[in-house]
Amino acid sequence: MINFILSLTIFVAALICILTRPYKKGEHFYACLFCILTLILGLVSFRDTLFVINSIWNAVFSLISIMIISLILDQIGLFRWAALTIAFTSEGSGKR
């Protein structure tokens, strides 16, 4: 029961820190901090962590790849070009 309460407390604290960012750090900082805390406290075993990573690594790399591709396309101006092209070809019509 104590492990459940401790886990729930860490989860809520992590969510609060991720949403409010009290020290102006990124979301990844707080997620990693509380992840390490759960490992140190023994709430999650390292073996379980490896199992989860092994189960989802391909999906995670796919998402990271999509993010990198989106950043590159944004840097070269593809999204701006597409938005402007759509705006100009619609000629002010909301239906087009």
N, C-alpha and C. Protein backbone atom coordinates (compact mmCIF):
# COMPACT_ATOMS: atom_id res chain seq x y z
N MET A 1 0.82 -1.20 0.00
CA MET A 1 0.00 0.00 0.00
C MET A 1 0.86 1.26 0.00
N ILE A 2 1.97 1.19 0.75
CA ILE A 2 2.86 2.37 0.81
C ILE A 2 3.50 2.64 -0.55
N ASN A 3 3.80 1.56 -1.31
CA ASN A 3 4.37 1.75 -2.65
C ASN A 3 3.37 2.43 -3.58
N PHE A 4 2.09 2.06 -3.45
CA PHE A 4 1.06 2.67 -4.28
C PHE A 4 0.94 4.17 -3.98
N ILE A 5 0.90 4.51 -2.70
CA ILE A 5 0.78 5.92 -2.32
C ILE A 5 2.00 6.70 -2.77
N LEU A 6 3.19 6.12 -2.60
CA LEU A 6 4.42 6.79 -3.02
C LEU A 6 4.45 6.96 -4.54
N SER A 7 4.03 5.93 -5.26
CA SER A 7 3.99 6.01 -6.73
C SER A 7 3.00 7.07 -7.20
N LEU A 8 1.84 7.10 -6.57
CA LEU A 8 0.84 8.09 -6.94
C LEU A 8 1.32 9.51 -6.64
N THR A 9 2.01 9.68 -5.52
CA THR A 9 2.55 10.99 -5.17
C THR A 9 3.60 11.44 -6.18
N ILE A 10 4.47 10.54 -6.57
CA ILE A 10 5.50 10.87 -7.56
C ILE A 10 4.85 11.19 -8.90
N PHE A 11 3.83 10.44 -9.28
CA PHE A 11 3.14 10.69 -10.54
C PHE A 11 2.49 12.07 -10.56
N VAL A 12 1.78 12.40 -9.49
CA VAL A 12 1.13 13.71 -9.41
C VAL A 12 2.16 14.83 -9.40
N ALA A 13 3.25 14.65 -8.66
CA ALA A 13 4.31 15.66 -8.62
C ALA A 13 4.94 15.84 -10.00
N ALA A 14 5.13 14.74 -10.71
CA ALA A 14 5.70 14.83 -12.06
C ALA A 14 4.76 15.58 -12.99
N LEU A 15 3.47 15.29 -12.93
CA LEU A 15 2.50 15.99 -13.77
C LEU A 15 2.48 17.48 -13.46
N ILE A 16 2.49 17.82 -12.18
CA ILE A 16 2.48 19.23 -11.80
C ILE A 16 3.72 19.93 -12.32
N CYS A 17 4.88 19.30 -12.16
CA CYS A 17 6.13 19.92 -12.63
C CYS A 17 6.16 20.04 -14.16
N ILE A 18 5.64 19.03 -14.85
CA ILE A 18 5.64 19.08 -16.31
C ILE A 18 4.70 20.18 -16.81
N LEU A 19 3.57 20.35 -16.15
CA LEU A 19 2.61 21.36 -16.59
C LEU A 19 3.00 22.77 -16.19
N THR A 20 3.60 22.94 -15.02
CA THR A 20 3.91 24.30 -14.54
C THR A 20 5.35 24.72 -14.79
N ARG A 21 6.26 23.77 -14.99
CA ARG A 21 7.69 24.03 -15.20
C ARG A 21 8.22 25.06 -14.20
N PRO A 22 8.31 24.68 -12.93
CA PRO A 22 8.68 25.66 -11.90
C PRO A 22 10.09 26.24 -12.04
N TYR A 23 11.03 25.50 -12.58
CA TYR A 23 12.41 26.01 -12.71
C TYR A 23 12.78 26.30 -14.15
N LYS A 24 11.78 26.50 -15.01
CA LYS A 24 11.96 26.86 -16.42
C LYS A 24 12.78 25.82 -17.20
N LYS A 25 12.64 24.56 -16.81
CA LYS A 25 13.28 23.46 -17.55
C LYS A 25 12.24 22.85 -18.49
N GLY A 26 12.71 22.08 -19.45
CA GLY A 26 11.80 21.42 -20.38
C GLY A 26 11.09 20.24 -19.74
N GLU A 27 10.05 19.77 -20.41
CA GLU A 27 9.28 18.65 -19.90
C GLU A 27 10.14 17.41 -19.72
N HIS A 28 11.08 17.22 -20.65
CA HIS A 28 11.93 16.04 -20.58
C HIS A 28 12.76 16.00 -19.30
N PHE A 29 13.16 17.16 -18.79
CA PHE A 29 13.95 17.22 -17.56
C PHE A 29 13.17 16.63 -16.39
N TYR A 30 11.93 17.08 -16.23
CA TYR A 30 11.11 16.60 -15.11
C TYR A 30 10.73 15.13 -15.28
N ALA A 31 10.44 14.72 -16.51
CA ALA A 31 10.11 13.32 -16.75
C ALA A 31 11.29 12.42 -16.39
N CYS A 32 12.48 12.80 -16.80
CA CYS A 32 13.67 12.00 -16.48
C CYS A 32 13.98 12.03 -14.99
N LEU A 33 13.80 13.18 -14.36
CA LEU A 33 14.06 13.31 -12.93
C LEU A 33 13.18 12.37 -12.12
N PHE A 34 11.89 12.36 -12.41
CA PHE A 34 10.99 11.50 -11.65
C PHE A 34 11.13 10.03 -12.05
N CYS A 35 11.55 9.78 -13.27
CA CYS A 35 11.84 8.41 -13.69
C CYS A 35 13.02 7.85 -12.88
N ILE A 36 14.06 8.64 -12.77
CA ILE A 36 15.23 8.22 -11.98
C ILE A 36 14.85 8.05 -10.52
N LEU A 37 13.99 8.91 -10.01
CA LEU A 37 13.55 8.81 -8.62
C LEU A 37 12.81 7.50 -8.37
N THR A 38 11.95 7.09 -9.30
CA THR A 38 11.24 5.82 -9.12
C THR A 38 12.19 4.63 -9.19
N LEU A 39 13.23 4.74 -10.02
CA LEU A 39 14.23 3.66 -10.07
C LEU A 39 15.04 3.60 -8.78
N ILE A 40 15.44 4.76 -8.26
CA ILE A 40 16.23 4.80 -7.03
C ILE A 40 15.42 4.26 -5.84
N LEU A 41 14.15 4.62 -5.77
CA LEU A 41 13.31 4.17 -4.66
C LEU A 41 12.88 2.71 -4.80
N GLY A 42 13.15 2.11 -5.95
CA GLY A 42 12.83 0.70 -6.16
C GLY A 42 11.37 0.44 -6.48
N LEU A 43 10.64 1.47 -6.86
CA LEU A 43 9.24 1.29 -7.23
C LEU A 43 9.11 0.57 -8.56
N VAL A 44 10.09 0.76 -9.42
CA VAL A 44 10.15 0.09 -10.72
C VAL A 44 11.53 -0.52 -10.83
N SER A 45 11.59 -1.75 -11.26
CA SER A 45 12.90 -2.39 -11.39
C SER A 45 13.53 -2.01 -12.73
N PHE A 46 14.83 -2.08 -12.77
CA PHE A 46 15.55 -1.78 -14.01
C PHE A 46 15.19 -2.78 -15.09
N ARG A 47 14.93 -4.02 -14.69
CA ARG A 47 14.54 -5.06 -15.64
C ARG A 47 13.20 -4.70 -16.31
N ASP A 48 12.24 -4.20 -15.52
CA ASP A 48 10.96 -3.77 -16.09
C ASP A 48 11.14 -2.61 -17.06
N THR A 49 12.05 -1.70 -16.72
CA THR A 49 12.33 -0.57 -17.59
C THR A 49 12.89 -1.04 -18.93
N LEU A 50 13.81 -1.98 -18.89
CA LEU A 50 14.37 -2.53 -20.13
C LEU A 50 13.30 -3.25 -20.96
N PHE A 51 12.38 -3.94 -20.28
CA PHE A 51 11.29 -4.63 -20.99
C PHE A 51 10.42 -3.63 -21.74
N VAL A 52 10.06 -2.54 -21.08
CA VAL A 52 9.22 -1.52 -21.72
C VAL A 52 9.96 -0.89 -22.89
N ILE A 53 11.22 -0.54 -22.69
CA ILE A 53 12.02 0.06 -23.78
C ILE A 53 12.11 -0.90 -24.96
N ASN A 54 12.32 -2.17 -24.67
CA ASN A 54 12.41 -3.17 -25.73
C ASN A 54 11.08 -3.32 -26.47
N SER A 55 9.98 -3.11 -25.77
CA SER A 55 8.67 -3.28 -26.38
C SER A 55 8.28 -2.10 -27.28
N ILE A 56 8.75 -0.90 -26.96
CA ILE A 56 8.26 0.28 -27.69
C ILE A 56 9.34 1.04 -28.44
N TRP A 57 10.54 0.51 -28.53
CA TRP A 57 11.64 1.29 -29.13
C TRP A 57 11.35 1.69 -30.57
N ASN A 58 10.72 0.82 -31.35
CA ASN A 58 10.48 1.16 -32.76
C ASN A 58 9.46 2.29 -32.90
N ALA A 59 8.43 2.30 -32.05
CA ALA A 59 7.46 3.39 -32.10
C ALA A 59 8.09 4.71 -31.67
N VAL A 60 8.94 4.66 -30.66
CA VAL A 60 9.60 5.87 -30.18
C VAL A 60 10.52 6.44 -31.26
N PHE A 61 11.29 5.59 -31.91
CA PHE A 61 12.17 6.08 -32.97
C PHE A 61 11.38 6.61 -34.16
N SER A 62 10.22 6.03 -34.43
CA SER A 62 9.38 6.55 -35.50
C SER A 62 8.89 7.96 -35.17
N LEU A 63 8.45 8.18 -33.93
CA LEU A 63 8.00 9.50 -33.52
C LEU A 63 9.14 10.52 -33.56
N ILE A 64 10.31 10.12 -33.10
CA ILE A 64 11.46 11.01 -33.13
C ILE A 64 11.82 11.36 -34.57
N SER A 65 11.75 10.38 -35.46
CA SER A 65 12.03 10.64 -36.88
C SER A 65 11.03 11.61 -37.48
N ILE A 66 9.76 11.45 -37.15
CA ILE A 66 8.74 12.37 -37.66
C ILE A 66 8.99 13.78 -37.15
N MET A 67 9.38 13.91 -35.88
CA MET A 67 9.68 15.23 -35.32
C MET A 67 10.87 15.88 -36.02
N ILE A 68 11.89 15.10 -36.30
CA ILE A 68 13.08 15.64 -36.98
C ILE A 68 12.72 16.07 -38.40
N ILE A 69 11.95 15.24 -39.11
CA ILE A 69 11.54 15.59 -40.47
C ILE A 69 10.69 16.86 -40.45
N SER A 70 9.78 16.98 -39.47
CA SER A 70 8.95 18.19 -39.37
C SER A 70 9.79 19.43 -39.11
N LEU A 71 10.79 19.30 -38.26
CA LEU A 71 11.68 20.44 -38.00
C LEU A 71 12.44 20.86 -39.25
N ILE A 72 12.91 19.89 -40.00
CA ILE A 72 13.66 20.20 -41.24
C ILE A 72 12.73 20.88 -42.24
N LEU A 73 11.52 20.33 -42.41
CA LEU A 73 10.58 20.92 -43.36
C LEU A 73 10.17 22.33 -42.93
N ASP A 74 10.05 22.55 -41.63
CA ASP A 74 9.73 23.89 -41.14
C ASP A 74 10.88 24.85 -41.40
N GLN A 75 12.10 24.39 -41.23
CA GLN A 75 13.26 25.24 -41.46
C GLN A 75 13.40 25.66 -42.93
N ILE A 76 13.05 24.78 -43.84
CA ILE A 76 13.17 25.14 -45.25
C ILE A 76 11.94 25.88 -45.77
N GLY A 77 10.91 26.02 -44.91
CA GLY A 77 9.76 26.84 -45.26
C GLY A 77 8.64 26.13 -45.98
N LEU A 78 8.60 24.82 -45.94
CA LEU A 78 7.57 24.08 -46.65
C LEU A 78 6.17 24.39 -46.12
N PHE A 79 6.01 24.44 -44.81
CA PHE A 79 4.68 24.67 -44.24
C PHE A 79 4.20 26.08 -44.53
N ARG A 80 5.10 27.04 -44.49
CA ARG A 80 4.73 28.43 -44.82
C ARG A 80 4.32 28.52 -46.30
N TRP A 81 5.09 27.88 -47.16
CA TRP A 81 4.77 27.87 -48.59
C TRP A 81 3.41 27.23 -48.82
N ALA A 82 3.14 26.11 -48.16
CA ALA A 82 1.86 25.41 -48.34
C ALA A 82 0.70 26.29 -47.85
N ALA A 83 0.88 26.95 -46.71
CA ALA A 83 -0.18 27.81 -46.19
C ALA A 83 -0.44 28.99 -47.11
N LEU A 84 0.61 29.61 -47.60
CA LEU A 84 0.44 30.75 -48.50
C LEU A 84 -0.18 30.32 -49.83
N THR A 85 0.22 29.18 -50.34
CA THR A 85 -0.35 28.68 -51.59
C THR A 85 -1.84 28.42 -51.43
N ILE A 86 -2.22 27.80 -50.34
CA ILE A 86 -3.64 27.53 -50.09
C ILE A 86 -4.40 28.85 -49.94
N ALA A 87 -3.82 29.80 -49.23
CA ALA A 87 -4.50 31.08 -49.02
C ALA A 87 -4.68 31.83 -50.34
N PHE A 88 -3.67 31.83 -51.19
CA PHE A 88 -3.77 32.55 -52.45
C PHE A 88 -4.69 31.86 -53.44
N THR A 89 -4.68 30.54 -53.49
CA THR A 89 -5.53 29.84 -54.46
C THR A 89 -6.99 29.84 -54.04
N SER A 90 -7.27 30.05 -52.77
CA SER A 90 -8.67 30.09 -52.33
C SER A 90 -9.33 31.41 -52.68
N GLU A 91 -8.52 32.44 -52.95
CA GLU A 91 -9.00 33.76 -53.33
C GLU A 91 -10.03 34.32 -52.36
N GLY A 92 -9.80 34.10 -51.07
CA GLY A 92 -10.67 34.65 -50.03
C GLY A 92 -11.92 33.84 -49.76
N SER A 93 -12.13 32.75 -50.46
CA SER A 93 -13.32 31.93 -50.26
C SER A 93 -13.07 30.92 -49.15
N GLY A 94 -13.96 30.88 -48.18
CA GLY A 94 -13.83 29.94 -47.09
C GLY A 94 -14.13 28.50 -47.51
N LYS A 95 -14.97 28.35 -48.54
CA LYS A 95 -15.31 27.00 -49.02
C LYS A 95 -14.18 26.37 -49.81
N ARG A 96 -13.43 27.19 -50.54
CA ARG A 96 -12.32 26.66 -51.33
C ARG A 96 -11.19 26.31 -50.41
